[in-house]
């Protein structure tokens, strides 16, 4: 639509370039009128152009703001930190985490994504799983402990921590390969909430619930 009167008139527009061209055309004609350009357009035509410029500018801004979460997801999926994403978006880290959660849930409601934030073990394409895993890690506000930190918290030697994991008495996470096997020499990490349950005498199932996991085995979490 060349002369929209409200942003919703531009709903459903695919490529933004024609919309941007239209906006620049409206602004150029309005600037020409301000400078007394020749030939001037009638006043009522200029009013229509000014309204169109306002509506078009708002529609473009809304479109760009809504699409920035896809850019944020891609940045995280390709190795950027949530702090870098926040700086690029001029937002606080907490706002980025909240925005990403809302965005992913909106995608799920539209059936455009196959995975969820809480269960990334469904049979989804590797790229989609990687992207959602990046979002989940970025929005994860749990405190994660290394093997050494866990050993200190539970009063054991680090070798005993690994033994407890192997015996399915302690719930931890390890990076997995595409076949679902632990990657060679990948490090273990432990959610502090799960470790607290262990200290209180809770079994591995209780630790998994405290961790927020849906997997039935310690090696299934795929944590970095």
C-alpha atoms as a PDB file:
ATOM      1  CA  UNK A   1       0.000   0.000   0.000  1.00  0.00           C
ATOM      2  CA  UNK A   2       1.557   3.326  -1.098  1.00  0.00           C
ATOM      3  CA  UNK A   3      -0.360   5.551   1.311  1.00  0.00           C
ATOM      4  CA  UNK A   4      -1.090   3.631   4.530  1.00  0.00           C
ATOM      5  CA  UNK A   5      -2.982   5.526   7.199  1.00  0.00           C
ATOM      6  CA  UNK A   6      -2.099   3.170  10.046  1.00  0.00           C
ATOM      7  CA  UNK A   7       0.688   0.625  10.694  1.00  0.00           C
ATOM      8  CA  UNK A   8      -1.719  -2.303  10.405  1.00  0.00           C
ATOM      9  CA  UNK A   9      -2.232  -1.405   6.740  1.00  0.00           C
ATOM     10  CA  UNK A  10       1.226  -2.870   6.151  1.00  0.00           C
ATOM     11  CA  UNK A  11       0.638  -6.160   7.978  1.00  0.00           C
ATOM     12  CA  UNK A  12       1.668  -9.143   5.920  1.00  0.00           C
ATOM     13  CA  UNK A  13       4.277  -7.278   3.889  1.00  0.00           C
ATOM     14  CA  UNK A  14       7.068  -9.670   2.938  1.00  0.00           C
ATOM     15  CA  UNK A  15      10.203  -7.842   1.849  1.00  0.00           C
ATOM     16  CA  UNK A  16      10.917  -4.548   3.572  1.00  0.00           C
ATOM     17  CA  UNK A  17      12.809  -2.908   0.717  1.00  0.00           C
ATOM     18  CA  UNK A  18       9.691  -1.676  -1.160  1.00  0.00           C
ATOM     19  CA  UNK A  19       8.310  -0.334   2.126  1.00  0.00           C
ATOM     20  CA  UNK A  20      11.566   1.477   2.848  1.00  0.00           C
ATOM     21  CA  UNK A  21      11.593   2.912  -0.670  1.00  0.00           C
ATOM     22  CA  UNK A  22       8.062   4.183  -0.130  1.00  0.00           C
ATOM     23  CA  UNK A  23       9.040   5.797   3.174  1.00  0.00           C
ATOM     24  CA  UNK A  24      12.018   7.544   1.584  1.00  0.00           C
ATOM     25  CA  UNK A  25       9.805   8.768  -1.257  1.00  0.00           C
ATOM     26  CA  UNK A  26       7.287  10.270   1.166  1.00  0.00           C
ATOM     27  CA  UNK A  27      10.022  11.970   3.178  1.00  0.00           C
ATOM     28  CA  UNK A  28      11.741  13.292   0.064  1.00  0.00           C
ATOM     29  CA  UNK A  29       8.505  14.873  -1.213  1.00  0.00           C
ATOM     30  CA  UNK A  30       7.786  16.401   2.195  1.00  0.00           C
ATOM     31  CA  UNK A  31      11.318  17.802   2.409  1.00  0.00           C
ATOM     32  CA  UNK A  32      10.941  19.218  -1.094  1.00  0.00           C
ATOM     33  CA  UNK A  33       7.744  20.968  -0.034  1.00  0.00           C
ATOM     34  CA  UNK A  34       9.442  22.466   3.020  1.00  0.00           C
ATOM     35  CA  UNK A  35      12.212  23.830   0.831  1.00  0.00           C
ATOM     36  CA  UNK A  36       9.798  25.226  -1.733  1.00  0.00           C
ATOM     37  CA  UNK A  37      10.621  22.668  -4.381  1.00  0.00           C
ATOM     38  CA  UNK A  38       9.009  22.807  -7.800  1.00  0.00           C
ATOM     39  CA  UNK A  39       6.492  21.559  -8.638  1.00  0.00           C
ATOM     40  CA  UNK A  40       4.830  21.384  -5.189  1.00  0.00           C
ATOM     41  CA  UNK A  41       2.115  18.865  -4.456  1.00  0.00           C
ATOM     42  CA  UNK A  42      -1.303  19.982  -3.194  1.00  0.00           C
ATOM     43  CA  UNK A  43      -1.558  20.409   0.568  1.00  0.00           C
ATOM     44  CA  UNK A  44      -4.021  17.596   1.017  1.00  0.00           C
ATOM     45  CA  UNK A  45      -1.703  15.259  -0.893  1.00  0.00           C
ATOM     46  CA  UNK A  46       1.199  16.240   1.356  1.00  0.00           C
ATOM     47  CA  UNK A  47      -0.924  15.568   4.438  1.00  0.00           C
ATOM     48  CA  UNK A  48      -1.633  12.082   3.121  1.00  0.00           C
ATOM     49  CA  UNK A  49       2.082  11.582   2.528  1.00  0.00           C
ATOM     50  CA  UNK A  50       2.949  12.724   6.042  1.00  0.00           C
ATOM     51  CA  UNK A  51       0.418  10.320   7.562  1.00  0.00           C
ATOM     52  CA  UNK A  52       1.756   7.548   5.328  1.00  0.00           C
ATOM     53  CA  UNK A  53       5.312   8.304   6.452  1.00  0.00           C
ATOM     54  CA  UNK A  54       4.275   8.075  10.109  1.00  0.00           C
ATOM     55  CA  UNK A  55       2.400   4.805   9.633  1.00  0.00           C
ATOM     56  CA  UNK A  56       5.174   3.298   7.511  1.00  0.00           C
ATOM     57  CA  UNK A  57       7.896   4.292   9.949  1.00  0.00           C
ATOM     58  CA  UNK A  58       5.998   2.752  12.831  1.00  0.00           C
ATOM     59  CA  UNK A  59       5.347  -0.464  10.903  1.00  0.00           C
ATOM     60  CA  UNK A  60       9.035  -0.806   9.998  1.00  0.00           C
ATOM     61  CA  UNK A  61      10.125  -0.141  13.587  1.00  0.00           C
ATOM     62  CA  UNK A  62       7.700  -2.751  14.921  1.00  0.00           C
ATOM     63  CA  UNK A  63       8.856  -5.270  12.337  1.00  0.00           C
ATOM     64  CA  UNK A  64      12.520  -4.741  13.148  1.00  0.00           C
ATOM     65  CA  UNK A  65      11.914  -4.921  16.895  1.00  0.00           C
ATOM     66  CA  UNK A  66      10.012  -8.182  16.564  1.00  0.00           C
ATOM     67  CA  UNK A  67      12.629  -9.754  14.311  1.00  0.00           C
ATOM     68  CA  UNK A  68      15.540  -8.839  16.548  1.00  0.00           C
ATOM     69  CA  UNK A  69      14.855 -11.854  18.761  1.00  0.00           C
ATOM     70  CA  UNK A  70      15.538 -14.163  15.830  1.00  0.00           C
ATOM     71  CA  UNK A  71      18.841 -12.324  15.367  1.00  0.00           C
ATOM     72  CA  UNK A  72      19.571 -12.739  19.076  1.00  0.00           C
ATOM     73  CA  UNK A  73      18.812 -16.458  18.849  1.00  0.00           C
ATOM     74  CA  UNK A  74      21.184 -16.789  15.878  1.00  0.00           C
ATOM     75  CA  UNK A  75      23.930 -14.867  17.670  1.00  0.00           C
ATOM     76  CA  UNK A  76      23.716 -17.203  20.667  1.00  0.00           C
ATOM     77  CA  UNK A  77      23.573 -20.288  18.465  1.00  0.00           C
ATOM     78  CA  UNK A  78      26.819 -19.264  16.774  1.00  0.00           C
ATOM     79  CA  UNK A  79      28.749 -18.627  19.965  1.00  0.00           C
ATOM     80  CA  UNK A  80      28.007 -15.076  21.107  1.00  0.00           C
ATOM     81  CA  UNK A  81      27.478 -14.584  24.824  1.00  0.00           C
ATOM     82  CA  UNK A  82      24.264 -13.256  26.290  1.00  0.00           C
ATOM     83  CA  UNK A  83      26.253 -10.249  27.506  1.00  0.00           C
ATOM     84  CA  UNK A  84      27.353  -9.459  23.938  1.00  0.00           C
ATOM     85  CA  UNK A  85      23.776  -9.806  22.710  1.00  0.00           C
ATOM     86  CA  UNK A  86      22.528  -7.496  25.453  1.00  0.00           C
ATOM     87  CA  UNK A  87      25.129  -4.870  24.554  1.00  0.00           C
ATOM     88  CA  UNK A  88      24.206  -5.028  20.861  1.00  0.00           C
ATOM     89  CA  UNK A  89      20.520  -4.623  21.692  1.00  0.00           C
ATOM     90  CA  UNK A  90      21.160  -1.885  24.279  1.00  0.00           C
ATOM     91  CA  UNK A  91      19.311  -3.978  26.874  1.00  0.00           C
ATOM     92  CA  UNK A  92      20.079  -5.443  30.262  1.00  0.00           C
ATOM     93  CA  UNK A  93      20.944  -9.141  30.342  1.00  0.00           C
ATOM     94  CA  UNK A  94      17.771  -9.811  32.335  1.00  0.00           C
ATOM     95  CA  UNK A  95      15.684  -8.116  29.636  1.00  0.00           C
ATOM     96  CA  UNK A  96      17.335 -10.240  26.936  1.00  0.00           C
ATOM     97  CA  UNK A  97      16.580 -13.426  28.853  1.00  0.00           C
ATOM     98  CA  UNK A  98      12.955 -12.417  29.367  1.00  0.00           C
ATOM     99  CA  UNK A  99      12.529 -11.338  25.755  1.00  0.00           C
ATOM    100  CA  UNK A 100      14.003 -14.556  24.395  1.00  0.00           C
ATOM    101  CA  UNK A 101      11.717 -16.671  26.556  1.00  0.00           C
ATOM    102  CA  UNK A 102       8.648 -14.805  25.356  1.00  0.00           C
ATOM    103  CA  UNK A 103       9.815 -14.998  21.746  1.00  0.00           C
ATOM    104  CA  UNK A 104      10.468 -18.752  21.813  1.00  0.00           C
ATOM    105  CA  UNK A 105       7.111 -19.428  23.442  1.00  0.00           C
ATOM    106  CA  UNK A 106       5.409 -17.328  20.767  1.00  0.00           C
ATOM    107  CA  UNK A 107       7.137 -19.377  18.064  1.00  0.00           C
ATOM    108  CA  UNK A 108       5.981 -22.575  19.700  1.00  0.00           C
ATOM    109  CA  UNK A 109       2.398 -21.329  19.798  1.00  0.00           C
ATOM    110  CA  UNK A 110       2.597 -20.661  16.073  1.00  0.00           C
ATOM    111  CA  UNK A 111       4.007 -24.149  15.475  1.00  0.00           C
ATOM    112  CA  UNK A 112       7.093 -22.699  13.827  1.00  0.00           C
ATOM    113  CA  UNK A 113       9.547 -24.399  16.151  1.00  0.00           C
ATOM    114  CA  UNK A 114       9.697 -28.066  17.118  1.00  0.00           C
ATOM    115  CA  UNK A 115      11.631 -27.824  20.395  1.00  0.00           C
ATOM    116  CA  UNK A 116      10.791 -26.177  23.690  1.00  0.00           C
ATOM    117  CA  UNK A 117      12.963 -24.401  26.221  1.00  0.00           C
ATOM    118  CA  UNK A 118      12.630 -27.222  28.732  1.00  0.00           C
ATOM    119  CA  UNK A 119      12.888 -30.305  26.512  1.00  0.00           C
ATOM    120  CA  UNK A 120      15.483 -30.289  23.758  1.00  0.00           C
ATOM    121  CA  UNK A 121      15.621 -34.044  23.376  1.00  0.00           C
ATOM    122  CA  UNK A 122      12.804 -34.378  20.867  1.00  0.00           C
ATOM    123  CA  UNK A 123      13.811 -35.548  17.340  1.00  0.00           C
ATOM    124  CA  UNK A 124      14.344 -32.101  15.848  1.00  0.00           C
ATOM    125  CA  UNK A 125      16.861 -31.005  13.200  1.00  0.00           C
ATOM    126  CA  UNK A 126      20.336 -30.493  14.628  1.00  0.00           C
ATOM    127  CA  UNK A 127      20.409 -26.805  13.683  1.00  0.00           C
ATOM    128  CA  UNK A 128      17.085 -26.130  15.413  1.00  0.00           C
ATOM    129  CA  UNK A 129      18.190 -28.017  18.522  1.00  0.00           C
ATOM    130  CA  UNK A 130      21.452 -26.086  18.628  1.00  0.00           C
ATOM    131  CA  UNK A 131      19.632 -22.773  18.346  1.00  0.00           C
ATOM    132  CA  UNK A 132      17.171 -23.646  21.088  1.00  0.00           C
ATOM    133  CA  UNK A 133      19.926 -25.023  23.292  1.00  0.00           C
ATOM    134  CA  UNK A 134      21.745 -21.704  22.949  1.00  0.00           C
ATOM    135  CA  UNK A 135      18.601 -19.837  23.966  1.00  0.00           C
ATOM    136  CA  UNK A 136      18.015 -22.176  26.885  1.00  0.00           C
ATOM    137  CA  UNK A 137      21.557 -21.715  28.163  1.00  0.00           C
ATOM    138  CA  UNK A 138      21.328 -17.950  27.772  1.00  0.00           C
ATOM    139  CA  UNK A 139      18.033 -17.774  29.645  1.00  0.00           C
ATOM    140  CA  UNK A 140      19.069 -20.299  32.294  1.00  0.00           C
ATOM    141  CA  UNK A 141      19.370 -18.556  35.641  1.00  0.00           C
ATOM    142  CA  UNK A 142      20.448 -21.595  37.636  1.00  0.00           C
ATOM    143  CA  UNK A 143      23.878 -21.591  39.275  1.00  0.00           C
ATOM    144  CA  UNK A 144      26.195 -24.209  37.767  1.00  0.00           C
ATOM    145  CA  UNK A 145      29.126 -25.769  39.601  1.00  0.00           C
ATOM    146  CA  UNK A 146      32.263 -27.473  38.340  1.00  0.00           C
ATOM    147  CA  UNK A 147      33.366 -30.849  39.650  1.00  0.00           C
ATOM    148  CA  UNK A 148      35.802 -29.177  42.048  1.00  0.00           C
ATOM    149  CA  UNK A 149      33.174 -26.756  43.335  1.00  0.00           C
ATOM    150  CA  UNK A 150      30.726 -29.606  43.791  1.00  0.00           C
ATOM    151  CA  UNK A 151      33.330 -31.640  45.678  1.00  0.00           C
ATOM    152  CA  UNK A 152      33.925 -28.725  48.029  1.00  0.00           C
ATOM    153  CA  UNK A 153      30.198 -28.234  48.601  1.00  0.00           C
ATOM    154  CA  UNK A 154      29.511 -31.875  49.462  1.00  0.00           C
ATOM    155  CA  UNK A 155      32.792 -32.415  51.322  1.00  0.00           C
ATOM    156  CA  UNK A 156      34.177 -35.051  48.973  1.00  0.00           C
ATOM    157  CA  UNK A 157      37.183 -35.495  46.698  1.00  0.00           C
ATOM    158  CA  UNK A 158      36.589 -34.666  42.987  1.00  0.00           C
ATOM    159  CA  UNK A 159      37.225 -38.318  42.091  1.00  0.00           C
ATOM    160  CA  UNK A 160      34.406 -39.290  44.475  1.00  0.00           C
ATOM    161  CA  UNK A 161      32.083 -36.828  42.702  1.00  0.00           C
ATOM    162  CA  UNK A 162      32.680 -38.584  39.370  1.00  0.00           C
ATOM    163  CA  UNK A 163      32.170 -41.962  41.036  1.00  0.00           C
ATOM    164  CA  UNK A 164      28.846 -40.831  42.501  1.00  0.00           C
ATOM    165  CA  UNK A 165      27.714 -39.730  39.059  1.00  0.00           C
ATOM    166  CA  UNK A 166      28.710 -43.076  37.562  1.00  0.00           C
ATOM    167  CA  UNK A 167      26.711 -44.848  40.259  1.00  0.00           C
ATOM    168  CA  UNK A 168      23.662 -42.656  39.499  1.00  0.00           C
ATOM    169  CA  UNK A 169      23.706 -41.236  43.001  1.00  0.00           C
ATOM    170  CA  UNK A 170      24.575 -37.693  41.910  1.00  0.00           C
ATOM    171  CA  UNK A 171      22.896 -35.823  39.061  1.00  0.00           C
ATOM    172  CA  UNK A 172      25.184 -33.936  36.693  1.00  0.00           C
ATOM    173  CA  UNK A 173      25.457 -32.817  33.080  1.00  0.00           C
ATOM    174  CA  UNK A 174      28.007 -33.499  30.390  1.00  0.00           C
ATOM    175  CA  UNK A 175      28.237 -32.309  26.790  1.00  0.00           C
ATOM    176  CA  UNK A 176      26.856 -34.941  24.407  1.00  0.00           C
ATOM    177  CA  UNK A 177      27.668 -35.731  20.779  1.00  0.00           C
ATOM    178  CA  UNK A 178      25.073 -36.160  18.013  1.00  0.00           C
ATOM    179  CA  UNK A 179      24.713 -39.852  18.835  1.00  0.00           C
ATOM    180  CA  UNK A 180      23.815 -39.073  22.433  1.00  0.00           C
ATOM    181  CA  UNK A 181      27.157 -40.203  23.862  1.00  0.00           C
ATOM    182  CA  UNK A 182      29.283 -38.089  26.223  1.00  0.00           C
ATOM    183  CA  UNK A 183      31.928 -36.191  24.314  1.00  0.00           C
ATOM    184  CA  UNK A 184      35.506 -37.280  24.987  1.00  0.00           C
ATOM    185  CA  UNK A 185      37.004 -35.442  27.972  1.00  0.00           C
ATOM    186  CA  UNK A 186      33.982 -33.166  28.315  1.00  0.00           C
ATOM    187  CA  UNK A 187      33.600 -31.663  31.754  1.00  0.00           C
ATOM    188  CA  UNK A 188      30.818 -32.307  34.221  1.00  0.00           C
ATOM    189  CA  UNK A 189      28.678 -29.482  35.554  1.00  0.00           C
ATOM    190  CA  UNK A 190      26.144 -29.615  38.367  1.00  0.00           C
ATOM    191  CA  UNK A 191      23.147 -27.457  39.212  1.00  0.00           C
ATOM    192  CA  UNK A 192      23.515 -26.028  42.697  1.00  0.00           C
ATOM    193  CA  UNK A 193      19.849 -26.817  43.379  1.00  0.00           C
ATOM    194  CA  UNK A 194      20.476 -30.505  42.658  1.00  0.00           C
ATOM    195  CA  UNK A 195      23.569 -30.547  44.853  1.00  0.00           C
ATOM    196  CA  UNK A 196      21.595 -29.025  47.712  1.00  0.00           C
ATOM    197  CA  UNK A 197      19.104 -31.894  47.415  1.00  0.00           C
ATOM    198  CA  UNK A 198      21.983 -34.408  47.449  1.00  0.00           C
ATOM    199  CA  UNK A 199      23.390 -32.852  50.640  1.00  0.00           C
ATOM    200  CA  UNK A 200      19.939 -33.175  52.201  1.00  0.00           C
ATOM    201  CA  UNK A 201      19.883 -36.890  51.344  1.00  0.00           C
ATOM    202  CA  UNK A 202      17.752 -36.764  48.203  1.00  0.00           C
ATOM    203  CA  UNK A 203      18.176 -39.450  45.561  1.00  0.00           C
ATOM    204  CA  UNK A 204      19.013 -38.833  41.905  1.00  0.00           C
ATOM    205  CA  UNK A 205      15.370 -38.549  40.880  1.00  0.00           C
ATOM    206  CA  UNK A 206      14.817 -35.798  43.430  1.00  0.00           C
ATOM    207  CA  UNK A 207      18.008 -34.103  42.254  1.00  0.00           C
ATOM    208  CA  UNK A 208      16.780 -34.179  38.634  1.00  0.00           C
ATOM    209  CA  UNK A 209      13.531 -32.535  39.655  1.00  0.00           C
ATOM    210  CA  UNK A 210      15.415 -29.845  41.546  1.00  0.00           C
ATOM    211  CA  UNK A 211      17.612 -29.336  38.506  1.00  0.00           C
ATOM    212  CA  UNK A 212      14.562 -29.008  36.265  1.00  0.00           C
ATOM    213  CA  UNK A 213      15.559 -31.893  34.009  1.00  0.00           C
ATOM    214  CA  UNK A 214      13.275 -34.280  32.154  1.00  0.00           C
ATOM    215  CA  UNK A 215      15.895 -36.903  31.393  1.00  0.00           C
ATOM    216  CA  UNK A 216      16.003 -40.147  33.283  1.00  0.00           C
ATOM    217  CA  UNK A 217      19.807 -40.439  33.441  1.00  0.00           C
ATOM    218  CA  UNK A 218      22.579 -38.198  34.649  1.00  0.00           C
ATOM    219  CA  UNK A 219      24.341 -38.314  31.305  1.00  0.00           C
ATOM    220  CA  UNK A 220      21.356 -37.078  29.339  1.00  0.00           C
ATOM    221  CA  UNK A 221      21.371 -33.382  30.076  1.00  0.00           C
ATOM    222  CA  UNK A 222      23.849 -32.221  27.509  1.00  0.00           C
ATOM    223  CA  UNK A 223      24.965 -29.294  29.611  1.00  0.00           C
ATOM    224  CA  UNK A 224      28.047 -27.501  28.296  1.00  0.00           C
END
